[in-house]
């Protein structure tokens, strides 16, 4: 069992960091879909030009990092992709894995978020919500963790990933922070 101070760090530092990466993912996806290819980009730090190039220098790594953070938080909630369906994990893979079940409120330990609960937070069709969350696992597994011949990025995959980038933070707030009586991280 992780220490209380470590769990506080998870709530106050690690998860907010992941949510920031997911926010950058969402921004990058919107920039990617709203422009006609890579656009000129300049990054200033303390009003000094430090990086000059095209927008892919920001959007590509932001998308990749955001996908990995989305997957991490879905797994934290107890969700997995099994045979093309959103399922609950049967167990944590490693003894030092941290999950939602390590946190408790007055009613006891928080439980894995069920696929039904996860899909119910989406205002649209449940099948679209499931495909959006599954796209996170698919892209992380087939496109980022290792390259496979079955990975093909598409506009539909981009659309689903954008949906997931809005949904995962909502799940974290609804099923972790709210039950703990904590405000959503900024």
Protein backbone atom coordinates (compact mmCIF):
# COMPACT_ATOMS: atom_id res chain seq x y z
CA UNK A 1 0.00 0.00 0.00
CA UNK A 2 1.44 3.40 -0.95
CA UNK A 3 2.07 5.93 1.79
CA UNK A 4 -0.42 8.69 2.52
CA UNK A 5 2.09 11.35 1.47
CA UNK A 6 2.67 9.59 -1.86
CA UNK A 7 -1.08 9.48 -2.52
CA UNK A 8 -1.29 13.20 -1.76
CA UNK A 9 1.47 13.75 -4.32
CA UNK A 10 -0.50 11.69 -6.84
CA UNK A 11 -3.54 13.94 -6.34
CA UNK A 12 -1.66 17.24 -6.20
CA UNK A 13 1.19 16.73 -8.66
CA UNK A 14 1.10 13.61 -10.83
CA UNK A 15 -2.53 13.66 -11.96
CA UNK A 16 -2.57 17.44 -12.54
CA UNK A 17 0.59 17.01 -14.65
CA UNK A 18 -1.16 14.32 -16.71
CA UNK A 19 -4.24 16.51 -17.09
CA UNK A 20 -2.03 19.34 -18.37
CA UNK A 21 -0.54 17.00 -20.97
CA UNK A 22 -4.05 15.99 -22.01
CA UNK A 23 -5.04 19.66 -22.30
CA UNK A 24 -2.04 20.17 -24.61
CA UNK A 25 -3.18 17.11 -26.59
CA UNK A 26 -6.59 18.68 -27.08
CA UNK A 27 -5.08 22.03 -28.14
CA UNK A 28 -2.68 20.29 -30.53
CA UNK A 29 -5.47 18.27 -32.13
CA UNK A 30 -7.52 21.43 -32.64
CA UNK A 31 -4.51 23.23 -34.14
CA UNK A 32 -3.78 20.26 -36.38
CA UNK A 33 -7.33 19.99 -37.71
CA UNK A 34 -7.88 23.75 -38.13
CA UNK A 35 -4.80 24.42 -40.27
CA UNK A 36 -3.68 23.26 -43.68
CA UNK A 37 -0.56 21.38 -42.65
CA UNK A 38 2.33 22.62 -40.58
CA UNK A 39 2.36 26.36 -39.95
CA UNK A 40 5.35 28.60 -39.17
CA UNK A 41 6.06 28.71 -35.44
CA UNK A 42 8.27 30.79 -33.18
CA UNK A 43 8.72 30.12 -29.48
CA UNK A 44 9.88 32.96 -27.29
CA UNK A 45 11.18 32.50 -23.76
CA UNK A 46 11.64 35.72 -21.79
CA UNK A 47 10.88 37.55 -25.03
CA UNK A 48 13.87 35.91 -26.75
CA UNK A 49 13.44 33.73 -29.81
CA UNK A 50 14.53 30.23 -28.75
CA UNK A 51 12.90 27.95 -31.29
CA UNK A 52 11.90 28.60 -34.85
CA UNK A 53 10.38 26.02 -37.15
CA UNK A 54 6.92 24.74 -37.89
CA UNK A 55 3.98 23.89 -35.68
CA UNK A 56 4.70 20.15 -35.87
CA UNK A 57 7.60 20.79 -33.48
CA UNK A 58 4.95 21.50 -30.83
CA UNK A 59 1.91 19.52 -31.93
CA UNK A 60 3.55 16.15 -32.63
CA UNK A 61 5.22 15.67 -29.21
CA UNK A 62 2.21 17.20 -27.42
CA UNK A 63 -0.11 14.71 -29.11
CA UNK A 64 2.17 11.78 -28.32
CA UNK A 65 2.63 12.77 -24.67
CA UNK A 66 -1.08 13.45 -24.26
CA UNK A 67 -2.03 10.03 -25.63
CA UNK A 68 0.31 8.31 -23.17
CA UNK A 69 -1.11 10.35 -20.27
CA UNK A 70 -4.68 9.54 -21.39
CA UNK A 71 -3.85 5.84 -21.41
CA UNK A 72 -2.18 6.09 -18.01
CA UNK A 73 -5.23 7.76 -16.46
CA UNK A 74 -7.65 5.30 -18.05
CA UNK A 75 -5.60 2.45 -16.58
CA UNK A 76 -5.48 4.32 -13.25
CA UNK A 77 -9.31 4.30 -13.31
CA UNK A 78 -9.23 0.53 -13.88
CA UNK A 79 -10.09 0.53 -17.58
CA UNK A 80 -8.47 -1.49 -20.35
CA UNK A 81 -8.97 -2.47 -23.95
CA UNK A 82 -9.66 -6.18 -24.35
CA UNK A 83 -10.56 -7.74 -27.70
CA UNK A 84 -11.66 -4.36 -29.06
CA UNK A 85 -13.97 -3.59 -26.11
CA UNK A 86 -13.64 -1.30 -23.12
CA UNK A 87 -13.34 -3.55 -20.06
CA UNK A 88 -12.20 -3.34 -16.47
CA UNK A 89 -8.72 -4.50 -15.66
CA UNK A 90 -8.72 -7.78 -13.79
CA UNK A 91 -5.78 -6.71 -11.65
CA UNK A 92 -2.85 -4.32 -11.56
CA UNK A 93 0.11 -5.60 -13.56
CA UNK A 94 2.80 -4.64 -11.08
CA UNK A 95 2.63 -4.52 -7.29
CA UNK A 96 3.72 -0.87 -7.27
CA UNK A 97 1.03 0.28 -9.75
CA UNK A 98 -1.18 3.02 -8.32
CA UNK A 99 -4.90 3.01 -9.04
CA UNK A 100 -8.12 4.59 -7.98
CA UNK A 101 -8.68 1.78 -5.46
CA UNK A 102 -5.79 3.16 -3.37
CA UNK A 103 -7.94 6.18 -2.51
CA UNK A 104 -10.83 6.20 -0.03
CA UNK A 105 -13.56 8.45 1.29
CA UNK A 106 -15.97 7.96 4.22
CA UNK A 107 -17.68 5.12 2.28
CA UNK A 108 -14.44 3.18 1.85
CA UNK A 109 -12.03 2.56 -1.00
CA UNK A 110 -12.95 3.96 -4.39
CA UNK A 111 -13.78 1.30 -6.95
CA UNK A 112 -12.66 0.80 -10.53
CA UNK A 113 -14.74 2.89 -12.90
CA UNK A 114 -16.89 0.49 -14.91
CA UNK A 115 -17.10 0.82 -18.69
CA UNK A 116 -20.79 1.71 -18.30
CA UNK A 117 -19.91 4.51 -15.88
CA UNK A 118 -17.16 5.78 -18.19
CA UNK A 119 -19.41 5.80 -21.24
CA UNK A 120 -22.33 7.40 -19.40
CA UNK A 121 -20.35 10.64 -18.89
CA UNK A 122 -20.32 11.28 -22.65
CA UNK A 123 -23.29 13.33 -23.90
CA UNK A 124 -23.36 11.54 -27.26
CA UNK A 125 -23.73 7.93 -28.30
CA UNK A 126 -22.15 5.31 -26.03
CA UNK A 127 -20.61 3.53 -29.02
CA UNK A 128 -18.82 6.72 -30.05
CA UNK A 129 -17.60 7.25 -26.48
CA UNK A 130 -16.28 3.70 -26.36
CA UNK A 131 -14.51 4.09 -29.72
CA UNK A 132 -12.96 7.35 -28.47
CA UNK A 133 -11.54 5.72 -25.33
CA UNK A 134 -10.43 2.66 -27.29
CA UNK A 135 -8.61 4.97 -29.72
CA UNK A 136 -6.35 6.01 -26.83
CA UNK A 137 -5.29 2.41 -26.21
CA UNK A 138 -4.96 1.69 -29.91
CA UNK A 139 -2.81 4.73 -30.67
CA UNK A 140 -0.67 4.26 -27.56
CA UNK A 141 -0.15 0.56 -28.29
CA UNK A 142 0.05 0.46 -32.08
CA UNK A 143 1.47 3.87 -32.90
CA UNK A 144 3.59 5.05 -29.98
CA UNK A 145 4.81 2.24 -27.73
CA UNK A 146 6.01 0.35 -30.78
CA UNK A 147 5.43 0.64 -34.49
CA UNK A 148 3.17 -1.85 -36.20
CA UNK A 149 1.98 -2.31 -39.73
CA UNK A 150 -1.63 -2.09 -38.54
CA UNK A 151 -1.32 1.50 -37.31
CA UNK A 152 -2.76 4.04 -39.71
CA UNK A 153 -3.62 7.51 -38.44
CA UNK A 154 -6.80 8.91 -39.95
CA UNK A 155 -9.10 11.92 -39.61
CA UNK A 156 -11.61 9.66 -37.83
CA UNK A 157 -8.95 8.56 -35.34
CA UNK A 158 -8.08 12.23 -34.77
CA UNK A 159 -11.74 13.06 -34.13
CA UNK A 160 -12.08 10.18 -31.66
CA UNK A 161 -8.89 11.17 -29.89
CA UNK A 162 -10.19 14.72 -29.50
CA UNK A 163 -13.34 13.32 -27.85
CA UNK A 164 -11.21 11.20 -25.52
CA UNK A 165 -9.03 14.21 -24.65
CA UNK A 166 -12.15 15.91 -23.27
CA UNK A 167 -13.58 12.76 -21.69
CA UNK A 168 -10.64 11.46 -19.69
CA UNK A 169 -10.30 14.63 -17.54
CA UNK A 170 -14.07 14.54 -16.90
CA UNK A 171 -13.77 10.93 -15.71
CA UNK A 172 -10.90 11.78 -13.36
CA UNK A 173 -12.82 14.66 -11.81
CA UNK A 174 -16.12 12.74 -11.58
CA UNK A 175 -14.77 9.49 -10.17
CA UNK A 176 -11.71 10.59 -8.17
CA UNK A 177 -11.74 14.22 -7.08
CA UNK A 178 -15.48 14.64 -6.54
CA UNK A 179 -15.88 11.48 -4.39
CA UNK A 180 -12.88 12.61 -2.33
CA UNK A 181 -14.53 16.01 -1.81
CA UNK A 182 -11.70 17.79 -3.63
CA UNK A 183 -11.92 20.51 -6.25
CA UNK A 184 -10.88 19.68 -9.79
CA UNK A 185 -7.17 20.34 -10.28
CA UNK A 186 -6.21 23.43 -12.24
